[in-house]
Amino acid sequence: MSRKKTYAIHQRYVKSFDGTQIGYQVVGEGNEPFVLCNGLGGNVLAWEPLYARHGDRYRFIVWDYRSIFSSEPPNNPDDVSIDHHIQDALAVLKKEKIKKAIFAGWSMGVQVCLEICKQKPALFRAMVLINGTFGNPFATAFNLPMGALLLPKLNHWVSKILPSLEPHLRFAANIVLDGDGFIKLVTKLKLIHENVDSRIFRDVAKAMIGTNLSKFHDILSHLGKHTTWEALPGIKVPVLLIAGSRDFLTPVKVAEQMAERIPNSELFVIPQGSHYCLIEFPDILNRRLDQFLEEHGLMEGTK
């Protein structure tokens, strides 16, 4: 596709409401703000296909969830709920003087994005929700009938044993990720599509294992109890939902439920896409995004 370009990632920091230092990144040369809500385990690198395509039109703002990547842990280790992440996002937006923006969320970021909209709807021009759910992700992940009961228990068990294993896991993971064997394995298992951008996948994975792995489980525990289901009918802005037909973590049926419940929404399903559509089929996703932005007069320079 045309206009694909490399943009500098500018690292910045802000103190949140409780004094926790939150790291965030600004990418792109455009004037129109575009706020990106990360998936759990993802960071600014995962969004490269978006800002490489649209960085001349928009200024992308991404923040790291408290306790992971460039953000500090809070004084109270349990202060990693969705509401805490929302307050962090608002601190970032205030510092960047953003009063209205387009928002996008990927995976966990979909719940975060929807919660920000629920609490501060005036901030939104539109939403793009990629491979995510409205809430209660344990209930629908992997299409497990008992997922809502079993997956939180599994997460709790992992959180107990992980601290002692973390140094060994980090060492082993770095070795595995340096080769192509792991990516070949997960594609063979159909967890990701073979078309995945292995460079981005590897860079994001290495960044993830370099941060505090134990904190992911604390954040996931809070995420599993959160829902925005009741707020969906009240969303007033245009919404583009993007799902992958082979996404086992947030299945298409969840996106279909959201599309039925959100008044001004459109659903786009990427055939053969997994939970990582953005780095598997970036051209397809970006073409649909372009169409959505143009139709709603949201492309910078259009009315």
C-alpha atoms as a PDB file:
ATOM      1  CA  MET A   1       0.000   0.000   0.000  1.00  0.00           C
ATOM      2  CA  SER A   2       1.095   3.589  -0.555  1.00  0.00           C
ATOM      3  CA  ARG A   3       2.128   6.059   2.139  1.00  0.00           C
ATOM      4  CA  LYS A   4       3.800   3.400   4.251  1.00  0.00           C
ATOM      5  CA  LYS A   5       6.483   5.168   6.250  1.00  0.00           C
ATOM      6  CA  THR A   6       8.649   4.891   9.342  1.00  0.00           C
ATOM      7  CA  TYR A   7       7.847   7.348  12.142  1.00  0.00           C
ATOM      8  CA  ALA A   8       9.782   8.147  15.295  1.00  0.00           C
ATOM      9  CA  ILE A   9       8.287   6.924  18.569  1.00  0.00           C
ATOM     10  CA  HIS A  10       8.477   9.683  21.181  1.00  0.00           C
ATOM     11  CA  GLN A  11       8.511   8.387  24.765  1.00  0.00           C
ATOM     12  CA  ARG A  12       6.856  10.606  27.381  1.00  0.00           C
ATOM     13  CA  TYR A  13       5.674  10.360  30.995  1.00  0.00           C
ATOM     14  CA  VAL A  14       2.904  11.755  33.173  1.00  0.00           C
ATOM     15  CA  LYS A  15       1.942  11.398  36.831  1.00  0.00           C
ATOM     16  CA  SER A  16      -1.486   9.812  37.207  1.00  0.00           C
ATOM     17  CA  PHE A  17      -4.126  10.701  39.819  1.00  0.00           C
ATOM     18  CA  ASP A  18      -2.432   8.607  42.540  1.00  0.00           C
ATOM     19  CA  GLY A  19       1.141   9.611  41.745  1.00  0.00           C
ATOM     20  CA  THR A  20       1.935   6.541  39.615  1.00  0.00           C
ATOM     21  CA  GLN A  21       4.203   7.472  36.719  1.00  0.00           C
ATOM     22  CA  ILE A  22       2.635   6.410  33.424  1.00  0.00           C
ATOM     23  CA  GLY A  23       4.738   5.990  30.308  1.00  0.00           C
ATOM     24  CA  TYR A  24       3.209   6.787  26.949  1.00  0.00           C
ATOM     25  CA  GLN A  25       4.250   7.211  23.336  1.00  0.00           C
ATOM     26  CA  VAL A  26       3.382   9.696  20.582  1.00  0.00           C
ATOM     27  CA  VAL A  27       3.819   8.693  16.932  1.00  0.00           C
ATOM     28  CA  GLY A  28       2.999  10.463  13.684  1.00  0.00           C
ATOM     29  CA  GLU A  29       3.077  13.886  12.085  1.00  0.00           C
ATOM     30  CA  GLY A  30      -0.626  14.689  11.694  1.00  0.00           C
ATOM     31  CA  ASN A  31      -2.715  17.074  13.752  1.00  0.00           C
ATOM     32  CA  GLU A  32      -5.750  14.862  14.383  1.00  0.00           C
ATOM     33  CA  PRO A  33      -5.360  12.814  17.621  1.00  0.00           C
ATOM     34  CA  PHE A  34      -5.890   9.067  17.433  1.00  0.00           C
ATOM     35  CA  VAL A  35      -5.762   7.285  20.804  1.00  0.00           C
ATOM     36  CA  LEU A  36      -4.730   3.612  20.879  1.00  0.00           C
ATOM     37  CA  CYS A  37      -5.647   1.284  23.757  1.00  0.00           C
ATOM     38  CA  ASN A  38      -3.234  -1.645  23.995  1.00  0.00           C
ATOM     39  CA  GLY A  39      -4.008  -5.297  24.317  1.00  0.00           C
ATOM     40  CA  LEU A  40      -2.655  -6.995  27.441  1.00  0.00           C
ATOM     41  CA  GLY A  41       0.921  -7.865  26.555  1.00  0.00           C
ATOM     42  CA  GLY A  42       0.974  -5.449  23.643  1.00  0.00           C
ATOM     43  CA  ASN A  43       2.693  -2.093  23.388  1.00  0.00           C
ATOM     44  CA  VAL A  44       3.221   0.649  20.832  1.00  0.00           C
ATOM     45  CA  LEU A  45       5.166  -1.704  18.544  1.00  0.00           C
ATOM     46  CA  ALA A  46       2.064  -3.803  17.926  1.00  0.00           C
ATOM     47  CA  TRP A  47       0.336  -0.816  16.278  1.00  0.00           C
ATOM     48  CA  GLU A  48       3.015  -0.275  13.644  1.00  0.00           C
ATOM     49  CA  PRO A  49       0.786  -1.254  10.673  1.00  0.00           C
ATOM     50  CA  LEU A  50      -1.650   1.475  11.711  1.00  0.00           C
ATOM     51  CA  TYR A  51       0.745   4.367  12.214  1.00  0.00           C
ATOM     52  CA  ALA A  52       2.971   3.334   9.300  1.00  0.00           C
ATOM     53  CA  ARG A  53      -0.091   3.763   7.084  1.00  0.00           C
ATOM     54  CA  HIS A  54      -1.725   6.792   8.745  1.00  0.00           C
ATOM     55  CA  GLY A  55       1.117   8.598  10.527  1.00  0.00           C
ATOM     56  CA  ASP A  56       1.087  11.474   8.039  1.00  0.00           C
ATOM     57  CA  ARG A  57      -2.565  12.187   8.848  1.00  0.00           C
ATOM     58  CA  TYR A  58      -2.838  11.493  12.574  1.00  0.00           C
ATOM     59  CA  ARG A  59      -0.961  11.887  15.841  1.00  0.00           C
ATOM     60  CA  PHE A  60      -1.192   8.518  17.602  1.00  0.00           C
ATOM     61  CA  ILE A  61      -1.093   8.371  21.403  1.00  0.00           C
ATOM     62  CA  VAL A  62      -0.472   5.054  23.170  1.00  0.00           C
ATOM     63  CA  TRP A  63       0.036   4.510  26.890  1.00  0.00           C
ATOM     64  CA  ASP A  64       1.441   1.544  28.816  1.00  0.00           C
ATOM     65  CA  TYR A  65      -0.821   0.072  31.481  1.00  0.00           C
ATOM     66  CA  ARG A  66       0.402   0.636  35.019  1.00  0.00           C
ATOM     67  CA  SER A  67       2.934  -1.940  36.260  1.00  0.00           C
ATOM     68  CA  ILE A  68       4.112  -3.026  32.792  1.00  0.00           C
ATOM     69  CA  PHE A  69       6.484  -1.765  30.091  1.00  0.00           C
ATOM     70  CA  SER A  70       7.371   1.904  30.728  1.00  0.00           C
ATOM     71  CA  SER A  71       4.760   2.558  33.445  1.00  0.00           C
ATOM     72  CA  GLU A  72       5.466   2.268  37.159  1.00  0.00           C
ATOM     73  CA  PRO A  73       3.585  -0.078  39.487  1.00  0.00           C
ATOM     74  CA  PRO A  74       1.202   1.678  41.892  1.00  0.00           C
ATOM     75  CA  ASN A  75       1.924   1.778  45.620  1.00  0.00           C
ATOM     76  CA  ASN A  76      -0.990  -0.597  46.158  1.00  0.00           C
ATOM     77  CA  PRO A  77      -0.333  -3.662  43.941  1.00  0.00           C
ATOM     78  CA  ASP A  78      -4.069  -4.246  43.565  1.00  0.00           C
ATOM     79  CA  ASP A  79      -4.658  -0.836  41.965  1.00  0.00           C
ATOM     80  CA  VAL A  80      -4.630  -2.204  38.398  1.00  0.00           C
ATOM     81  CA  SER A  81      -8.355  -2.338  37.677  1.00  0.00           C
ATOM     82  CA  ILE A  82     -10.016  -1.004  34.533  1.00  0.00           C
ATOM     83  CA  ASP A  83     -10.974   2.166  36.420  1.00  0.00           C
ATOM     84  CA  HIS A  84      -7.326   2.769  37.278  1.00  0.00           C
ATOM     85  CA  HIS A  85      -6.344   2.394  33.614  1.00  0.00           C
ATOM     86  CA  ILE A  86      -9.072   4.859  32.650  1.00  0.00           C
ATOM     87  CA  GLN A  87      -7.718   7.443  35.082  1.00  0.00           C
ATOM     88  CA  ASP A  88      -4.237   6.924  33.628  1.00  0.00           C
ATOM     89  CA  ALA A  89      -5.578   7.450  30.106  1.00  0.00           C
ATOM     90  CA  LEU A  90      -7.293  10.667  31.166  1.00  0.00           C
ATOM     91  CA  ALA A  91      -4.029  11.925  32.681  1.00  0.00           C
ATOM     92  CA  VAL A  92      -2.257  11.292  29.368  1.00  0.00           C
ATOM     93  CA  LEU A  93      -4.985  13.018  27.359  1.00  0.00           C
ATOM     94  CA  LYS A  94      -4.935  16.016  29.694  1.00  0.00           C
ATOM     95  CA  LYS A  95      -1.180  16.419  29.335  1.00  0.00           C
ATOM     96  CA  GLU A  96      -1.434  16.160  25.544  1.00  0.00           C
ATOM     97  CA  LYS A  97      -4.330  18.678  25.578  1.00  0.00           C
ATOM     98  CA  ILE A  98      -6.674  16.287  23.772  1.00  0.00           C
ATOM     99  CA  LYS A  99     -10.334  17.187  24.087  1.00  0.00           C
ATOM    100  CA  LYS A 100     -11.692  14.951  21.320  1.00  0.00           C
ATOM    101  CA  ALA A 101     -10.175  12.053  19.360  1.00  0.00           C
ATOM    102  CA  ILE A 102     -10.710   8.892  17.398  1.00  0.00           C
ATOM    103  CA  PHE A 103     -10.092   5.863  19.653  1.00  0.00           C
ATOM    104  CA  ALA A 104      -9.022   2.336  18.799  1.00  0.00           C
ATOM    105  CA  GLY A 105      -8.660  -0.696  21.054  1.00  0.00           C
ATOM    106  CA  TRP A 106      -7.156  -4.108  20.482  1.00  0.00           C
ATOM    107  CA  SER A 107      -8.058  -7.120  22.675  1.00  0.00           C
ATOM    108  CA  MET A 108      -8.065  -5.856  26.297  1.00  0.00           C
ATOM    109  CA  GLY A 109      -7.970  -2.377  24.800  1.00  0.00           C
ATOM    110  CA  VAL A 110     -11.508  -2.862  23.493  1.00  0.00           C
ATOM    111  CA  GLN A 111     -12.818  -3.084  27.068  1.00  0.00           C
ATOM    112  CA  VAL A 112     -10.672  -0.118  28.070  1.00  0.00           C
ATOM    113  CA  CYS A 113     -11.887   1.894  25.086  1.00  0.00           C
ATOM    114  CA  LEU A 114     -15.540   1.104  25.804  1.00  0.00           C
ATOM    115  CA  GLU A 115     -15.138   2.030  29.474  1.00  0.00           C
ATOM    116  CA  ILE A 116     -13.559   5.385  28.601  1.00  0.00           C
ATOM    117  CA  CYS A 117     -16.494   6.044  26.280  1.00  0.00           C
ATOM    118  CA  LYS A 118     -18.926   5.046  29.018  1.00  0.00           C
ATOM    119  CA  GLN A 119     -17.364   7.486  31.475  1.00  0.00           C
ATOM    120  CA  LYS A 120     -16.290  10.304  29.111  1.00  0.00           C
ATOM    121  CA  PRO A 121     -18.350  10.083  25.886  1.00  0.00           C
ATOM    122  CA  ALA A 122     -17.571  13.680  24.909  1.00  0.00           C
ATOM    123  CA  LEU A 123     -13.952  12.661  24.193  1.00  0.00           C
ATOM    124  CA  PHE A 124     -14.959  10.456  21.269  1.00  0.00           C
ATOM    125  CA  ARG A 125     -15.307  11.137  17.545  1.00  0.00           C
ATOM    126  CA  ALA A 126     -15.390   7.423  16.650  1.00  0.00           C
ATOM    127  CA  MET A 127     -14.207   4.002  17.830  1.00  0.00           C
ATOM    128  CA  VAL A 128     -12.373   1.141  16.117  1.00  0.00           C
ATOM    129  CA  LEU A 129     -12.592  -2.080  18.136  1.00  0.00           C
ATOM    130  CA  ILE A 130     -10.241  -4.870  17.029  1.00  0.00           C
ATOM    131  CA  ASN A 131     -10.356  -8.474  18.271  1.00  0.00           C
ATOM    132  CA  GLY A 132     -12.017  -7.683  21.561  1.00  0.00           C
ATOM    133  CA  THR A 133     -15.085  -8.038  23.730  1.00  0.00           C
ATOM    134  CA  PHE A 134     -17.420  -5.866  25.804  1.00  0.00           C
ATOM    135  CA  GLY A 135     -16.306  -7.632  29.010  1.00  0.00           C
ATOM    136  CA  ASN A 136     -16.165 -10.890  30.970  1.00  0.00           C
ATOM    137  CA  PRO A 137     -13.553 -12.330  28.563  1.00  0.00           C
ATOM    138  CA  PHE A 138     -13.200 -15.588  30.494  1.00  0.00           C
ATOM    139  CA  ALA A 139     -16.826 -16.425  29.712  1.00  0.00           C
ATOM    140  CA  THR A 140     -16.282 -16.501  25.927  1.00  0.00           C
ATOM    141  CA  ALA A 141     -12.567 -17.286  25.392  1.00  0.00           C
ATOM    142  CA  PHE A 142     -11.892 -20.515  23.497  1.00  0.00           C
ATOM    143  CA  ASN A 143     -15.658 -21.187  23.419  1.00  0.00           C
ATOM    144  CA  LEU A 144     -15.259 -23.126  26.663  1.00  0.00           C
ATOM    145  CA  PRO A 145     -18.618 -23.894  28.345  1.00  0.00           C
ATOM    146  CA  MET A 146     -16.992 -23.649  31.786  1.00  0.00           C
ATOM    147  CA  GLY A 147     -14.494 -20.933  30.857  1.00  0.00           C
ATOM    148  CA  ALA A 148     -15.926 -18.370  33.269  1.00  0.00           C
ATOM    149  CA  LEU A 149     -15.204 -20.800  36.127  1.00  0.00           C
ATOM    150  CA  LEU A 150     -12.036 -22.559  34.952  1.00  0.00           C
ATOM    151  CA  LEU A 151      -9.963 -19.763  33.379  1.00  0.00           C
ATOM    152  CA  PRO A 152      -9.898 -17.469  36.455  1.00  0.00           C
ATOM    153  CA  LYS A 153      -8.713 -20.442  38.529  1.00  0.00           C
ATOM    154  CA  LEU A 154      -5.996 -21.176  35.964  1.00  0.00           C
ATOM    155  CA  ASN A 155      -4.926 -17.532  35.986  1.00  0.00           C
ATOM    156  CA  HIS A 156      -4.772 -17.576  39.806  1.00  0.00           C
ATOM    157  CA  TRP A 157      -2.680 -20.767  39.801  1.00  0.00           C
ATOM    158  CA  VAL A 158      -0.234 -19.357  37.243  1.00  0.00           C
ATOM    159  CA  SER A 159       0.116 -16.145  39.272  1.00  0.00           C
ATOM    160  CA  LYS A 160       1.230 -18.196  42.290  1.00  0.00           C
ATOM    161  CA  ILE A 161       3.983 -20.143  40.563  1.00  0.00           C
ATOM    162  CA  LEU A 162       5.176 -17.526  38.070  1.00  0.00           C
ATOM    163  CA  PRO A 163       7.407 -15.403  40.361  1.00  0.00           C
ATOM    164  CA  SER A 164       9.760 -18.319  41.008  1.00  0.00           C
ATOM    165  CA  LEU A 165       9.816 -19.347  37.345  1.00  0.00           C
ATOM    166  CA  GLU A 166      10.000 -15.890  35.786  1.00  0.00           C
ATOM    167  CA  PRO A 167      13.829 -15.606  35.411  1.00  0.00           C
ATOM    168  CA  HIS A 168      14.022 -19.055  33.799  1.00  0.00           C
ATOM    169  CA  LEU A 169      11.052 -18.365  31.522  1.00  0.00           C
ATOM    170  CA  ARG A 170      12.571 -15.079  30.405  1.00  0.00           C
ATOM    171  CA  PHE A 171      15.876 -16.748  29.548  1.00  0.00           C
ATOM    172  CA  ALA A 172      14.201 -19.600  27.660  1.00  0.00           C
ATOM    173  CA  ALA A 173      11.767 -17.312  25.843  1.00  0.00           C
ATOM    174  CA  ASN A 174      14.558 -15.088  24.535  1.00  0.00           C
ATOM    175  CA  ILE A 175      16.308 -18.109  23.063  1.00  0.00           C
ATOM    176  CA  VAL A 176      13.085 -19.431  21.504  1.00  0.00           C
ATOM    177  CA  LEU A 177      12.106 -16.080  20.022  1.00  0.00           C
ATOM    178  CA  ASP A 178      15.485 -15.578  18.391  1.00  0.00           C
ATOM    179  CA  GLY A 179      14.679 -18.431  16.000  1.00  0.00           C
ATOM    180  CA  ASP A 180      11.749 -19.138  13.698  1.00  0.00           C
ATOM    181  CA  GLY A 181      10.718 -22.382  15.397  1.00  0.00           C
ATOM    182  CA  PHE A 182       8.213 -20.843  17.818  1.00  0.00           C
ATOM    183  CA  ILE A 183       6.401 -18.826  15.163  1.00  0.00           C
ATOM    184  CA  LYS A 184       6.267 -21.872  12.892  1.00  0.00           C
ATOM    185  CA  LEU A 185       4.792 -23.900  15.761  1.00  0.00           C
ATOM    186  CA  VAL A 186       2.037 -21.427  16.648  1.00  0.00           C
ATOM    187  CA  THR A 187       1.118 -21.017  12.995  1.00  0.00           C
ATOM    188  CA  LYS A 188       0.978 -24.789  12.571  1.00  0.00           C
ATOM    189  CA  LEU A 189      -1.338 -24.966  15.593  1.00  0.00           C
ATOM    190  CA  LYS A 190      -3.449 -22.265  13.868  1.00  0.00           C
ATOM    191  CA  LEU A 191      -3.112 -19.907  16.833  1.00  0.00           C
ATOM    192  CA  ILE A 192      -1.887 -17.242  14.421  1.00  0.00           C
ATOM    193  CA  HIS A 193      -2.018 -17.075  10.625  1.00  0.00           C
ATOM    194  CA  GLU A 194       1.095 -17.872   8.622  1.00  0.00           C
ATOM    195  CA  ASN A 195       0.840 -14.411   7.090  1.00  0.00           C
ATOM    196  CA  VAL A 196       1.757 -12.820  10.447  1.00  0.00           C
ATOM    197  CA  ASP A 197       4.496 -10.185  10.420  1.00  0.00           C
ATOM    198  CA  SER A 198       7.070 -12.227  12.330  1.00  0.00           C
ATOM    199  CA  ARG A 199       9.271  -9.202  13.018  1.00  0.00           C
ATOM    200  CA  ILE A 200       6.494  -7.299  14.819  1.00  0.00           C
ATOM    201  CA  PHE A 201       5.295 -10.444  16.595  1.00  0.00           C
ATOM    202  CA  ARG A 202       8.823 -11.164  17.825  1.00  0.00           C
ATOM    203  CA  ASP A 203       9.521  -7.548  18.873  1.00  0.00           C
ATOM    204  CA  VAL A 204       6.289  -7.316  20.887  1.00  0.00           C
ATOM    205  CA  ALA A 205       6.847 -10.731  22.483  1.00  0.00           C
ATOM    206  CA  LYS A 206      10.402  -9.802  23.508  1.00  0.00           C
ATOM    207  CA  ALA A 207       9.192  -6.531  25.006  1.00  0.00           C
ATOM    208  CA  MET A 208       6.526  -8.423  26.922  1.00  0.00           C
ATOM    209  CA  ILE A 209       8.878 -10.965  28.482  1.00  0.00           C
ATOM    210  CA  GLY A 210      11.235  -8.137  29.409  1.00  0.00           C
ATOM    211  CA  THR A 211       8.652  -6.553  31.691  1.00  0.00           C
ATOM    212  CA  ASN A 212       7.057  -7.745  34.953  1.00  0.00           C
ATOM    213  CA  LEU A 213       5.231 -10.907  33.883  1.00  0.00           C
ATOM    214  CA  SER A 214       3.536 -11.402  37.238  1.00  0.00           C
ATOM    215  CA  LYS A 215       1.647  -8.137  36.815  1.00  0.00           C
ATOM    216  CA  PHE A 216      -0.087  -9.406  33.686  1.00  0.00           C
ATOM    217  CA  HIS A 217      -2.016 -11.861  35.812  1.00  0.00           C
ATOM    218  CA  ASP A 218      -3.094  -9.179  38.282  1.00  0.00           C
ATOM    219  CA  ILE A 219      -4.392  -7.028  35.423  1.00  0.00           C
ATOM    220  CA  LEU A 220      -6.077 -10.033  33.781  1.00  0.00           C
ATOM    221  CA  SER A 221      -7.843 -10.904  37.031  1.00  0.00           C
ATOM    222  CA  HIS A 222      -9.489  -7.461  37.136  1.00  0.00           C
ATOM    223  CA  LEU A 223     -10.233  -7.602  33.412  1.00  0.00           C
ATOM    224  CA  GLY A 224     -12.147 -10.844  33.858  1.00  0.00           C
ATOM    225  CA  LYS A 225     -14.613  -9.154  36.228  1.00  0.00           C
ATOM    226  CA  HIS A 226     -15.288  -6.107  34.056  1.00  0.00           C
ATOM    227  CA  THR A 227     -18.144  -5.520  31.621  1.00  0.00           C
ATOM    228  CA  THR A 228     -19.627  -2.652  29.600  1.00  0.00           C
ATOM    229  CA  TRP A 229     -22.574  -4.678  28.252  1.00  0.00           C
ATOM    230  CA  GLU A 230     -25.250  -2.365  29.681  1.00  0.00           C
ATOM    231  CA  ALA A 231     -23.557   0.733  28.218  1.00  0.00           C
ATOM    232  CA  LEU A 232     -23.350  -0.459  24.588  1.00  0.00           C
ATOM    233  CA  PRO A 233     -26.787   0.816  23.444  1.00  0.00           C
ATOM    234  CA  GLY A 234     -25.890   4.304  24.657  1.00  0.00           C
ATOM    235  CA  ILE A 235     -22.854   4.744  22.386  1.00  0.00           C
ATOM    236  CA  LYS A 236     -23.526   7.678  20.044  1.00  0.00           C
ATOM    237  CA  VAL A 237     -20.411   7.737  17.825  1.00  0.00           C
ATOM    238  CA  PRO A 238     -19.670   5.578  14.756  1.00  0.00           C
ATOM    239  CA  VAL A 239     -18.055   2.256  15.664  1.00  0.00           C
ATOM    240  CA  LEU A 240     -16.104  -0.130  13.431  1.00  0.00           C
ATOM    241  CA  LEU A 241     -15.784  -3.647  14.850  1.00  0.00           C
ATOM    242  CA  ILE A 242     -13.063  -5.847  13.359  1.00  0.00           C
ATOM    243  CA  ALA A 243     -12.950  -9.575  14.109  1.00  0.00           C
ATOM    244  CA  GLY A 244     -10.987 -12.578  12.864  1.00  0.00           C
ATOM    245  CA  SER A 245     -12.832 -15.693  11.772  1.00  0.00           C
ATOM    246  CA  ARG A 246     -10.248 -17.842  13.591  1.00  0.00           C
ATOM    247  CA  ASP A 247      -9.964 -15.765  16.762  1.00  0.00           C
ATOM    248  CA  PHE A 248     -10.285 -18.215  19.667  1.00  0.00           C
ATOM    249  CA  LEU A 249      -9.718 -15.643  22.412  1.00  0.00           C
ATOM    250  CA  THR A 250     -12.492 -13.262  21.364  1.00  0.00           C
ATOM    251  CA  PRO A 251     -14.689 -15.228  18.943  1.00  0.00           C
ATOM    252  CA  VAL A 252     -16.671 -13.656  16.097  1.00  0.00           C
ATOM    253  CA  LYS A 253     -19.949 -14.360  17.899  1.00  0.00           C
ATOM    254  CA  VAL A 254     -18.943 -11.820  20.562  1.00  0.00           C
ATOM    255  CA  ALA A 255     -18.320  -9.159  17.913  1.00  0.00           C
ATOM    256  CA  GLU A 256     -21.699 -10.003  16.386  1.00  0.00           C
ATOM    257  CA  GLN A 257     -23.399  -9.481  19.749  1.00  0.00           C
ATOM    258  CA  MET A 258     -21.675  -6.125  20.120  1.00  0.00           C
ATOM    259  CA  ALA A 259     -22.642  -5.048  16.592  1.00  0.00           C
ATOM    260  CA  GLU A 260     -26.283  -5.846  17.307  1.00  0.00           C
ATOM    261  CA  ARG A 261     -26.212  -3.849  20.544  1.00  0.00           C
ATOM    262  CA  ILE A 262     -24.224  -0.750  19.460  1.00  0.00           C
ATOM    263  CA  PRO A 263     -26.541   1.494  17.397  1.00  0.00           C
ATOM    264  CA  ASN A 264     -24.167   3.061  14.840  1.00  0.00           C
ATOM    265  CA  SER A 265     -21.792   0.135  14.334  1.00  0.00           C
ATOM    266  CA  GLU A 266     -20.377  -1.882  11.472  1.00  0.00           C
ATOM    267  CA  LEU A 267     -18.801  -5.349  11.717  1.00  0.00           C
ATOM    268  CA  PHE A 268     -15.963  -6.444   9.438  1.00  0.00           C
ATOM    269  CA  VAL A 269     -14.759 -10.046   9.703  1.00  0.00           C
ATOM    270  CA  ILE A 270     -11.331 -10.901   8.281  1.00  0.00           C
ATOM    271  CA  PRO A 271     -11.378 -14.464   6.879  1.00  0.00           C
ATOM    272  CA  GLN A 272      -8.682 -16.667   8.453  1.00  0.00           C
ATOM    273  CA  GLY A 273      -7.722 -13.875  10.836  1.00  0.00           C
ATOM    274  CA  SER A 274      -6.739 -14.835  14.377  1.00  0.00           C
ATOM    275  CA  HIS A 275      -6.488 -12.627  17.471  1.00  0.00           C
ATOM    276  CA  TYR A 276      -3.668 -10.800  15.682  1.00  0.00           C
ATOM    277  CA  CYS A 277      -5.466  -9.516  12.573  1.00  0.00           C
ATOM    278  CA  LEU A 278      -3.613  -6.201  12.618  1.00  0.00           C
ATOM    279  CA  ILE A 279      -0.218  -7.862  12.072  1.00  0.00           C
ATOM    280  CA  GLU A 280      -1.556 -10.693   9.897  1.00  0.00           C
ATOM    281  CA  PHE A 281      -3.665  -8.777   7.376  1.00  0.00           C
ATOM    282  CA  PRO A 282      -2.670  -5.105   7.754  1.00  0.00           C
ATOM    283  CA  ASP A 283      -3.547  -4.129   4.184  1.00  0.00           C
ATOM    284  CA  ILE A 284      -7.053  -5.589   4.409  1.00  0.00           C
ATOM    285  CA  LEU A 285      -7.635  -4.011   7.810  1.00  0.00           C
ATOM    286  CA  ASN A 286      -6.290  -0.612   6.755  1.00  0.00           C
ATOM    287  CA  ARG A 287      -8.388  -0.527   3.590  1.00  0.00           C
ATOM    288  CA  ARG A 288     -11.524  -1.130   5.647  1.00  0.00           C
ATOM    289  CA  LEU A 289     -10.392   1.470   8.188  1.00  0.00           C
ATOM    290  CA  ASP A 290      -9.838   4.011   5.382  1.00  0.00           C
ATOM    291  CA  GLN A 291     -13.362   3.377   4.124  1.00  0.00           C
ATOM    292  CA  PHE A 292     -14.823   3.819   7.616  1.00  0.00           C
ATOM    293  CA  LEU A 293     -12.940   7.062   8.273  1.00  0.00           C
ATOM    294  CA  GLU A 294     -13.827   8.519   4.879  1.00  0.00           C
ATOM    295  CA  GLU A 295     -17.514   7.583   5.158  1.00  0.00           C
ATOM    296  CA  HIS A 296     -17.799   9.393   8.486  1.00  0.00           C
ATOM    297  CA  GLY A 297     -15.714  12.430   7.510  1.00  0.00           C
ATOM    298  CA  LEU A 298     -12.942  11.475   9.911  1.00  0.00           C
ATOM    299  CA  MET A 299     -10.006  11.385   7.518  1.00  0.00           C
ATOM    300  CA  GLU A 300      -7.791  14.375   8.241  1.00  0.00           C
ATOM    301  CA  GLY A 301      -8.347  16.982   5.567  1.00  0.00           C
ATOM    302  CA  THR A 302     -11.889  15.776   4.824  1.00  0.00           C
ATOM    303  CA  LYS A 303     -15.190  17.194   6.005  1.00  0.00           C
END
